[in-house]
Amino acid sequence: MNQASLRTAFCLAWGFMFMPAAIAAQRQDVPPQTLTPKVEGMVDVGGRKLHARIYGQGSPAVVLLSGSRAPQTYWDPVVPALAERTTVVTYDRAGYGKSEMGVLGCDGVQSMKDLKALLDSSRVPGPWLIVGHSLGG
């Protein structure tokens, strides 16, 4: 493969990688349709409120973490199938989607504190299976 073909393939792959996030961002206010119970709302994690959605029931709870600048709706295509089998948690990290930025930082340590407080406040029992995309990983 020549250099021009490699560059074209890279650009196409890069574009396809971000397409789901762009599509999800367009339908940010429309949660996926599931046949299982759903809880949605703002959760106080101490210093700010994060917007979360909880679907299904069962264990382990699957917690889906979006990548940089991607709202929780990034995961909408996979939520219904997962929620048929277990509890699924999605949320907007601080400063994204419907979540507040607050006065706390947004580094990795603080993000994990936020997530732990969200899970505790929402009464989602462990064990938790954490699934991250890009920065969410």
C-alpha atoms as a PDB file:
ATOM      1  CA  MET A   1       0.000   0.000   0.000  1.00  0.00           C
ATOM      2  CA  ASN A   2       1.446   3.377  -0.928  1.00  0.00           C
ATOM      3  CA  GLN A   3       1.640   6.409   1.368  1.00  0.00           C
ATOM      4  CA  ALA A   4      -1.430   8.117  -0.142  1.00  0.00           C
ATOM      5  CA  SER A   5      -3.531   4.981   0.338  1.00  0.00           C
ATOM      6  CA  LEU A   6      -2.348   4.644   3.925  1.00  0.00           C
ATOM      7  CA  ARG A   7      -3.218   8.280   4.618  1.00  0.00           C
ATOM      8  CA  THR A   8      -6.698   7.830   3.110  1.00  0.00           C
ATOM      9  CA  ALA A   9      -7.296   4.649   5.113  1.00  0.00           C
ATOM     10  CA  PHE A  10      -6.181   6.406   8.299  1.00  0.00           C
ATOM     11  CA  CYS A  11      -8.496   9.376   7.685  1.00  0.00           C
ATOM     12  CA  LEU A  12     -11.459   7.086   7.007  1.00  0.00           C
ATOM     13  CA  ALA A  13     -10.766   5.026  10.124  1.00  0.00           C
ATOM     14  CA  TRP A  14     -10.392   8.200  12.204  1.00  0.00           C
ATOM     15  CA  GLY A  15     -13.722   9.524  10.902  1.00  0.00           C
ATOM     16  CA  PHE A  16     -15.573   6.254  11.552  1.00  0.00           C
ATOM     17  CA  MET A  17     -14.151   6.148  15.076  1.00  0.00           C
ATOM     18  CA  PHE A  18     -15.831   9.464  15.975  1.00  0.00           C
ATOM     19  CA  MET A  19     -19.046   8.979  14.002  1.00  0.00           C
ATOM     20  CA  PRO A  20     -20.949   7.157  16.819  1.00  0.00           C
ATOM     21  CA  ALA A  21     -20.157   9.984  19.263  1.00  0.00           C
ATOM     22  CA  ALA A  22     -21.366  12.582  16.781  1.00  0.00           C
ATOM     23  CA  ILE A  23     -24.594  10.660  16.170  1.00  0.00           C
ATOM     24  CA  ALA A  24     -25.136  10.180  19.908  1.00  0.00           C
ATOM     25  CA  ALA A  25     -24.572  13.880  20.564  1.00  0.00           C
ATOM     26  CA  GLN A  26     -27.366  14.716  18.112  1.00  0.00           C
ATOM     27  CA  ARG A  27     -29.898  12.663  20.105  1.00  0.00           C
ATOM     28  CA  GLN A  28     -28.631  13.600  23.551  1.00  0.00           C
ATOM     29  CA  ASP A  29     -32.099  14.029  25.091  1.00  0.00           C
ATOM     30  CA  VAL A  30     -33.592  10.754  23.841  1.00  0.00           C
ATOM     31  CA  PRO A  31     -32.750   7.774  26.080  1.00  0.00           C
ATOM     32  CA  PRO A  32     -32.723   4.353  24.423  1.00  0.00           C
ATOM     33  CA  GLN A  33     -35.947   2.384  24.529  1.00  0.00           C
ATOM     34  CA  THR A  34     -35.785  -0.652  26.787  1.00  0.00           C
ATOM     35  CA  LEU A  35     -38.344  -2.975  28.292  1.00  0.00           C
ATOM     36  CA  THR A  36     -36.617  -2.860  31.677  1.00  0.00           C
ATOM     37  CA  PRO A  37     -37.012  -0.321  34.496  1.00  0.00           C
ATOM     38  CA  LYS A  38     -35.087   2.933  34.132  1.00  0.00           C
ATOM     39  CA  VAL A  39     -34.125   5.602  36.652  1.00  0.00           C
ATOM     40  CA  GLU A  40     -32.912   8.981  35.397  1.00  0.00           C
ATOM     41  CA  GLY A  41     -31.841  12.116  37.211  1.00  0.00           C
ATOM     42  CA  MET A  42     -29.213  14.323  38.748  1.00  0.00           C
ATOM     43  CA  VAL A  43     -27.039  12.736  41.450  1.00  0.00           C
ATOM     44  CA  ASP A  44     -25.210  14.881  43.998  1.00  0.00           C
ATOM     45  CA  VAL A  45     -21.650  13.574  44.259  1.00  0.00           C
ATOM     46  CA  GLY A  46     -20.450  16.265  46.663  1.00  0.00           C
ATOM     47  CA  GLY A  47     -19.602  19.565  45.030  1.00  0.00           C
ATOM     48  CA  ARG A  48     -21.552  18.990  41.820  1.00  0.00           C
ATOM     49  CA  LYS A  49     -24.430  17.036  40.320  1.00  0.00           C
ATOM     50  CA  LEU A  50     -23.995  14.456  37.580  1.00  0.00           C
ATOM     51  CA  HIS A  51     -26.745  13.331  35.224  1.00  0.00           C
ATOM     52  CA  ALA A  52     -27.175   9.535  35.303  1.00  0.00           C
ATOM     53  CA  ARG A  53     -29.407   6.856  33.831  1.00  0.00           C
ATOM     54  CA  ILE A  54     -29.807   3.385  35.340  1.00  0.00           C
ATOM     55  CA  TYR A  55     -31.393   0.569  33.363  1.00  0.00           C
ATOM     56  CA  GLY A  56     -32.287  -3.044  34.054  1.00  0.00           C
ATOM     57  CA  GLN A  57     -31.497  -5.119  37.088  1.00  0.00           C
ATOM     58  CA  GLY A  58     -29.013  -7.760  38.071  1.00  0.00           C
ATOM     59  CA  SER A  59     -25.372  -8.239  38.846  1.00  0.00           C
ATOM     60  CA  PRO A  60     -22.688  -7.377  38.044  1.00  0.00           C
ATOM     61  CA  ALA A  61     -23.735  -3.819  37.198  1.00  0.00           C
ATOM     62  CA  VAL A  62     -22.174  -2.658  33.933  1.00  0.00           C
ATOM     63  CA  VAL A  63     -20.956   0.953  34.163  1.00  0.00           C
ATOM     64  CA  LEU A  64     -20.337   2.557  30.767  1.00  0.00           C
ATOM     65  CA  LEU A  65     -17.827   5.441  30.676  1.00  0.00           C
ATOM     66  CA  SER A  66     -17.828   7.676  27.596  1.00  0.00           C
ATOM     67  CA  GLY A  67     -14.758   9.083  25.920  1.00  0.00           C
ATOM     68  CA  SER A  68     -13.669  12.712  25.755  1.00  0.00           C
ATOM     69  CA  ARG A  69     -16.506  15.136  24.948  1.00  0.00           C
ATOM     70  CA  ALA A  70     -18.914  12.243  24.393  1.00  0.00           C
ATOM     71  CA  PRO A  71     -22.169  12.311  26.356  1.00  0.00           C
ATOM     72  CA  GLN A  72     -23.598   9.194  27.971  1.00  0.00           C
ATOM     73  CA  THR A  73     -25.823   8.769  24.909  1.00  0.00           C
ATOM     74  CA  TYR A  74     -22.735   7.470  23.097  1.00  0.00           C
ATOM     75  CA  TRP A  75     -23.664   4.086  24.611  1.00  0.00           C
ATOM     76  CA  ASP A  76     -27.339   4.116  23.544  1.00  0.00           C
ATOM     77  CA  PRO A  77     -26.904   1.473  20.821  1.00  0.00           C
ATOM     78  CA  VAL A  78     -25.729  -1.163  23.332  1.00  0.00           C
ATOM     79  CA  VAL A  79     -27.839  -0.264  26.390  1.00  0.00           C
ATOM     80  CA  PRO A  80     -31.036  -2.187  25.498  1.00  0.00           C
ATOM     81  CA  ALA A  81     -29.283  -5.541  24.973  1.00  0.00           C
ATOM     82  CA  LEU A  82     -27.228  -5.161  28.160  1.00  0.00           C
ATOM     83  CA  ALA A  83     -30.219  -3.988  30.230  1.00  0.00           C
ATOM     84  CA  GLU A  84     -32.108  -7.163  29.340  1.00  0.00           C
ATOM     85  CA  ARG A  85     -29.446  -9.090  31.275  1.00  0.00           C
ATOM     86  CA  THR A  86     -28.176  -6.858  34.083  1.00  0.00           C
ATOM     87  CA  THR A  87     -28.055  -3.374  35.610  1.00  0.00           C
ATOM     88  CA  VAL A  88     -26.541  -0.755  33.295  1.00  0.00           C
ATOM     89  CA  VAL A  89     -25.327   2.672  34.425  1.00  0.00           C
ATOM     90  CA  THR A  90     -24.497   5.559  32.105  1.00  0.00           C
ATOM     91  CA  TYR A  91     -23.703   9.112  33.168  1.00  0.00           C
ATOM     92  CA  ASP A  92     -22.311  12.391  31.911  1.00  0.00           C
ATOM     93  CA  ARG A  93     -18.942  13.170  33.489  1.00  0.00           C
ATOM     94  CA  ALA A  94     -18.523  16.585  35.132  1.00  0.00           C
ATOM     95  CA  GLY A  95     -18.873  19.402  32.611  1.00  0.00           C
ATOM     96  CA  TYR A  96     -20.325  17.194  29.849  1.00  0.00           C
ATOM     97  CA  GLY A  97     -23.892  16.642  28.688  1.00  0.00           C
ATOM     98  CA  LYS A  98     -26.335  17.564  31.443  1.00  0.00           C
ATOM     99  CA  SER A  99     -23.820  17.294  34.309  1.00  0.00           C
ATOM    100  CA  GLU A 100     -22.537  20.267  36.243  1.00  0.00           C
ATOM    101  CA  MET A 101     -18.884  21.248  36.232  1.00  0.00           C
ATOM    102  CA  GLY A 102     -18.848  22.390  39.863  1.00  0.00           C
ATOM    103  CA  VAL A 103     -15.699  23.678  41.531  1.00  0.00           C
ATOM    104  CA  LEU A 104     -13.853  20.355  41.788  1.00  0.00           C
ATOM    105  CA  GLY A 105     -11.193  19.312  39.315  1.00  0.00           C
ATOM    106  CA  CYS A 106     -11.748  16.801  36.517  1.00  0.00           C
ATOM    107  CA  ASP A 107      -8.588  14.704  36.651  1.00  0.00           C
ATOM    108  CA  GLY A 108      -8.648  10.926  36.744  1.00  0.00           C
ATOM    109  CA  VAL A 109      -8.608  10.664  40.535  1.00  0.00           C
ATOM    110  CA  GLN A 110     -11.519  13.096  40.940  1.00  0.00           C
ATOM    111  CA  SER A 111     -13.461  11.371  38.148  1.00  0.00           C
ATOM    112  CA  MET A 112     -13.173   8.054  40.006  1.00  0.00           C
ATOM    113  CA  LYS A 113     -14.292   9.716  43.263  1.00  0.00           C
ATOM    114  CA  ASP A 114     -17.284  11.149  41.366  1.00  0.00           C
ATOM    115  CA  LEU A 115     -18.147   7.732  39.939  1.00  0.00           C
ATOM    116  CA  LYS A 116     -17.886   6.002  43.337  1.00  0.00           C
ATOM    117  CA  ALA A 117     -20.101   8.669  44.943  1.00  0.00           C
ATOM    118  CA  LEU A 118     -22.594   8.349  42.074  1.00  0.00           C
ATOM    119  CA  LEU A 119     -22.804   4.566  42.456  1.00  0.00           C
ATOM    120  CA  ASP A 120     -23.131   4.817  46.242  1.00  0.00           C
ATOM    121  CA  SER A 121     -25.768   7.599  46.090  1.00  0.00           C
ATOM    122  CA  SER A 122     -27.732   5.696  43.434  1.00  0.00           C
ATOM    123  CA  ARG A 123     -27.575   2.520  45.541  1.00  0.00           C
ATOM    124  CA  VAL A 124     -26.118   0.463  42.711  1.00  0.00           C
ATOM    125  CA  PRO A 125     -24.507  -2.480  44.515  1.00  0.00           C
ATOM    126  CA  GLY A 126     -21.207  -3.979  43.406  1.00  0.00           C
ATOM    127  CA  PRO A 127     -19.592  -5.778  41.861  1.00  0.00           C
ATOM    128  CA  TRP A 128     -19.276  -3.317  38.997  1.00  0.00           C
ATOM    129  CA  LEU A 129     -17.956  -4.087  35.544  1.00  0.00           C
ATOM    130  CA  ILE A 130     -16.431  -0.825  34.288  1.00  0.00           C
ATOM    131  CA  VAL A 131     -16.379  -0.441  30.496  1.00  0.00           C
ATOM    132  CA  GLY A 132     -14.625   2.617  29.102  1.00  0.00           C
ATOM    133  CA  HIS A 133     -14.285   4.117  25.649  1.00  0.00           C
ATOM    134  CA  SER A 134     -11.183   6.201  24.867  1.00  0.00           C
ATOM    135  CA  LEU A 135     -10.693   8.726  27.718  1.00  0.00           C
ATOM    136  CA  GLY A 136     -13.343   6.828  29.698  1.00  0.00           C
ATOM    137  CA  GLY A 137     -10.939   3.895  29.787  1.00  0.00           C
END
